[in-house]
Structures are given as C-alpha cells and as structure tokens.
C-alpha cells in the first residue's frame, strides 16, 4: 500500500506509521469500525455538553440542549424548532 495522497498523513505521524494505521483499520470489520465511529461521536457529544454546562452552570437540561442545538444548527433552525426558546445565551 503506497500513499497516493501524502497530504492526508498528519504532520506528527511518519508515513510508515500512517500506512500501518490504515492497514490495521482495513483489517477490521465494517461493524467494528461503525461501532468505534458511534462511540467516538457519543464521546464528542458528551464533551460538547459538558463544555456548555461548564460555561453555563445555571442552565437547566432543556437550556443546555437548546444551546447545543444553537451551536450545531444555528439560531434560525432553533427558533423554528423551539419558538419559545430564548437565544440570548451567548
């Protein structure tokens, strides 16, 4: 396996290590790779919610959810989905 696109190799990783990582990933089943992807997405979502809670400890769970939605999807969509939501959390 040769690296046809060297720009995808992270700056802190040698090409040899990158090649080994790609080979290891390729050996895993699609189900295993999908499960890892889902777990990583859940972890990022938890970290994002934790960050909102640290920035706004006074927020209720609903306010935290609305702020997460606002950050991900923008004010326009949140206003349409939750017309009673206050967007003055910035």
C-alpha atoms as a PDB file:
ATOM      1  CA  UNK A   1       0.000   0.000   0.000  1.00  0.00           C
ATOM      2  CA  UNK A   2       1.560   3.260  -1.066  1.00  0.00           C
ATOM      3  CA  UNK A   3       0.452   6.701  -0.064  1.00  0.00           C
ATOM      4  CA  UNK A   4      -1.088   8.241  -3.172  1.00  0.00           C
ATOM      5  CA  UNK A   5      -2.061  11.372  -1.261  1.00  0.00           C
ATOM      6  CA  UNK A   6       0.699  12.408   1.169  1.00  0.00           C
ATOM      7  CA  UNK A   7      -1.324  15.421   2.343  1.00  0.00           C
ATOM      8  CA  UNK A   8      -3.573  13.101   4.378  1.00  0.00           C
ATOM      9  CA  UNK A   9      -0.690  11.963   6.585  1.00  0.00           C
ATOM     10  CA  UNK A  10      -0.835  14.001   9.808  1.00  0.00           C
ATOM     11  CA  UNK A  11       2.175  16.232  10.352  1.00  0.00           C
ATOM     12  CA  UNK A  12       3.044  14.440  13.602  1.00  0.00           C
ATOM     13  CA  UNK A  13       2.936  10.944  12.025  1.00  0.00           C
ATOM     14  CA  UNK A  14       5.517   9.285   9.819  1.00  0.00           C
ATOM     15  CA  UNK A  15       4.348   7.843   6.528  1.00  0.00           C
ATOM     16  CA  UNK A  16       5.253   4.326   7.714  1.00  0.00           C
ATOM     17  CA  UNK A  17       3.155   4.639  10.886  1.00  0.00           C
ATOM     18  CA  UNK A  18       0.284   6.137   8.891  1.00  0.00           C
ATOM     19  CA  UNK A  19       0.445   3.199   6.470  1.00  0.00           C
ATOM     20  CA  UNK A  20       0.338   0.716   9.375  1.00  0.00           C
ATOM     21  CA  UNK A  21      -2.637   2.512  10.900  1.00  0.00           C
ATOM     22  CA  UNK A  22      -4.536   2.384   7.601  1.00  0.00           C
ATOM     23  CA  UNK A  23      -3.731  -1.330   7.207  1.00  0.00           C
ATOM     24  CA  UNK A  24      -4.949  -2.026  10.760  1.00  0.00           C
ATOM     25  CA  UNK A  25      -8.186  -0.167  10.095  1.00  0.00           C
ATOM     26  CA  UNK A  26      -8.695  -2.033   6.823  1.00  0.00           C
ATOM     27  CA  UNK A  27      -8.432  -5.380   8.651  1.00  0.00           C
ATOM     28  CA  UNK A  28     -11.313  -4.509  10.979  1.00  0.00           C
ATOM     29  CA  UNK A  29     -14.852  -5.439  10.094  1.00  0.00           C
ATOM     30  CA  UNK A  30     -17.267  -2.736   8.976  1.00  0.00           C
ATOM     31  CA  UNK A  31     -19.360  -3.424  12.093  1.00  0.00           C
ATOM     32  CA  UNK A  32     -16.345  -2.840  14.369  1.00  0.00           C
ATOM     33  CA  UNK A  33     -15.423   0.345  12.528  1.00  0.00           C
ATOM     34  CA  UNK A  34     -19.004   1.597  12.727  1.00  0.00           C
ATOM     35  CA  UNK A  35     -19.178   0.807  16.454  1.00  0.00           C
ATOM     36  CA  UNK A  36     -15.986   2.764  17.060  1.00  0.00           C
ATOM     37  CA  UNK A  37     -17.317   5.679  14.999  1.00  0.00           C
ATOM     38  CA  UNK A  38     -20.526   5.710  17.066  1.00  0.00           C
ATOM     39  CA  UNK A  39     -18.591   5.586  20.348  1.00  0.00           C
ATOM     40  CA  UNK A  40     -16.357   8.470  19.264  1.00  0.00           C
ATOM     41  CA  UNK A  41     -19.379  10.527  18.232  1.00  0.00           C
ATOM     42  CA  UNK A  42     -21.023   9.888  21.612  1.00  0.00           C
ATOM     43  CA  UNK A  43     -17.839  10.918  23.407  1.00  0.00           C
ATOM     44  CA  UNK A  44     -17.610  14.168  21.429  1.00  0.00           C
ATOM     45  CA  UNK A  45     -21.289  14.919  22.126  1.00  0.00           C
ATOM     46  CA  UNK A  46     -20.728  14.365  25.876  1.00  0.00           C
ATOM     47  CA  UNK A  47     -17.678  16.638  25.831  1.00  0.00           C
ATOM     48  CA  UNK A  48     -19.641  19.316  23.993  1.00  0.00           C
ATOM     49  CA  UNK A  49     -22.492  19.125  26.524  1.00  0.00           C
ATOM     50  CA  UNK A  50     -20.004  19.204  29.408  1.00  0.00           C
ATOM     51  CA  UNK A  51     -18.427  22.338  27.927  1.00  0.00           C
ATOM     52  CA  UNK A  52     -21.819  24.066  27.752  1.00  0.00           C
ATOM     53  CA  UNK A  53     -22.521  23.077  31.358  1.00  0.00           C
ATOM     54  CA  UNK A  54     -19.152  24.485  32.471  1.00  0.00           C
ATOM     55  CA  UNK A  55     -19.780  27.741  30.586  1.00  0.00           C
ATOM     56  CA  UNK A  56     -23.379  28.000  31.828  1.00  0.00           C
ATOM     57  CA  UNK A  57     -23.778  26.138  35.143  1.00  0.00           C
ATOM     58  CA  UNK A  58     -27.107  27.904  35.664  1.00  0.00           C
ATOM     59  CA  UNK A  59     -28.689  26.223  32.596  1.00  0.00           C
ATOM     60  CA  UNK A  60     -31.374  23.594  33.003  1.00  0.00           C
ATOM     61  CA  UNK A  61     -31.126  20.408  30.936  1.00  0.00           C
ATOM     62  CA  UNK A  62     -33.515  21.925  28.383  1.00  0.00           C
ATOM     63  CA  UNK A  63     -31.480  25.136  28.133  1.00  0.00           C
ATOM     64  CA  UNK A  64     -28.329  23.062  27.677  1.00  0.00           C
ATOM     65  CA  UNK A  65     -29.981  21.111  24.865  1.00  0.00           C
ATOM     66  CA  UNK A  66     -31.175  24.314  23.191  1.00  0.00           C
ATOM     67  CA  UNK A  67     -27.677  25.808  23.390  1.00  0.00           C
ATOM     68  CA  UNK A  68     -26.195  22.643  21.854  1.00  0.00           C
ATOM     69  CA  UNK A  69     -28.764  22.824  19.060  1.00  0.00           C
ATOM     70  CA  UNK A  70     -27.990  26.510  18.511  1.00  0.00           C
ATOM     71  CA  UNK A  71     -24.268  25.805  18.229  1.00  0.00           C
ATOM     72  CA  UNK A  72     -24.764  22.905  15.828  1.00  0.00           C
ATOM     73  CA  UNK A  73     -27.612  24.173  13.674  1.00  0.00           C
ATOM     74  CA  UNK A  74     -27.839  27.931  14.180  1.00  0.00           C
ATOM     75  CA  UNK A  75     -30.370  30.377  15.547  1.00  0.00           C
ATOM     76  CA  UNK A  76     -32.787  30.196  12.610  1.00  0.00           C
ATOM     77  CA  UNK A  77     -33.388  26.464  12.892  1.00  0.00           C
ATOM     78  CA  UNK A  78     -33.603  26.541  16.681  1.00  0.00           C
ATOM     79  CA  UNK A  79     -36.115  29.403  16.543  1.00  0.00           C
ATOM     80  CA  UNK A  80     -38.221  27.392  14.108  1.00  0.00           C
ATOM     81  CA  UNK A  81     -37.988  24.167  16.118  1.00  0.00           C
ATOM     82  CA  UNK A  82     -38.344  25.743  19.563  1.00  0.00           C
ATOM     83  CA  UNK A  83     -40.153  29.087  19.173  1.00  0.00           C
ATOM     84  CA  UNK A  84     -40.334  29.526  22.959  1.00  0.00           C
ATOM     85  CA  UNK A  85     -36.560  29.074  23.360  1.00  0.00           C
ATOM     86  CA  UNK A  86     -34.512  32.046  24.430  1.00  0.00           C
ATOM     87  CA  UNK A  87     -31.457  32.513  22.207  1.00  0.00           C
ATOM     88  CA  UNK A  88     -29.823  35.056  24.476  1.00  0.00           C
ATOM     89  CA  UNK A  89     -27.288  32.575  25.910  1.00  0.00           C
ATOM     90  CA  UNK A  90     -24.220  33.973  24.139  1.00  0.00           C
END
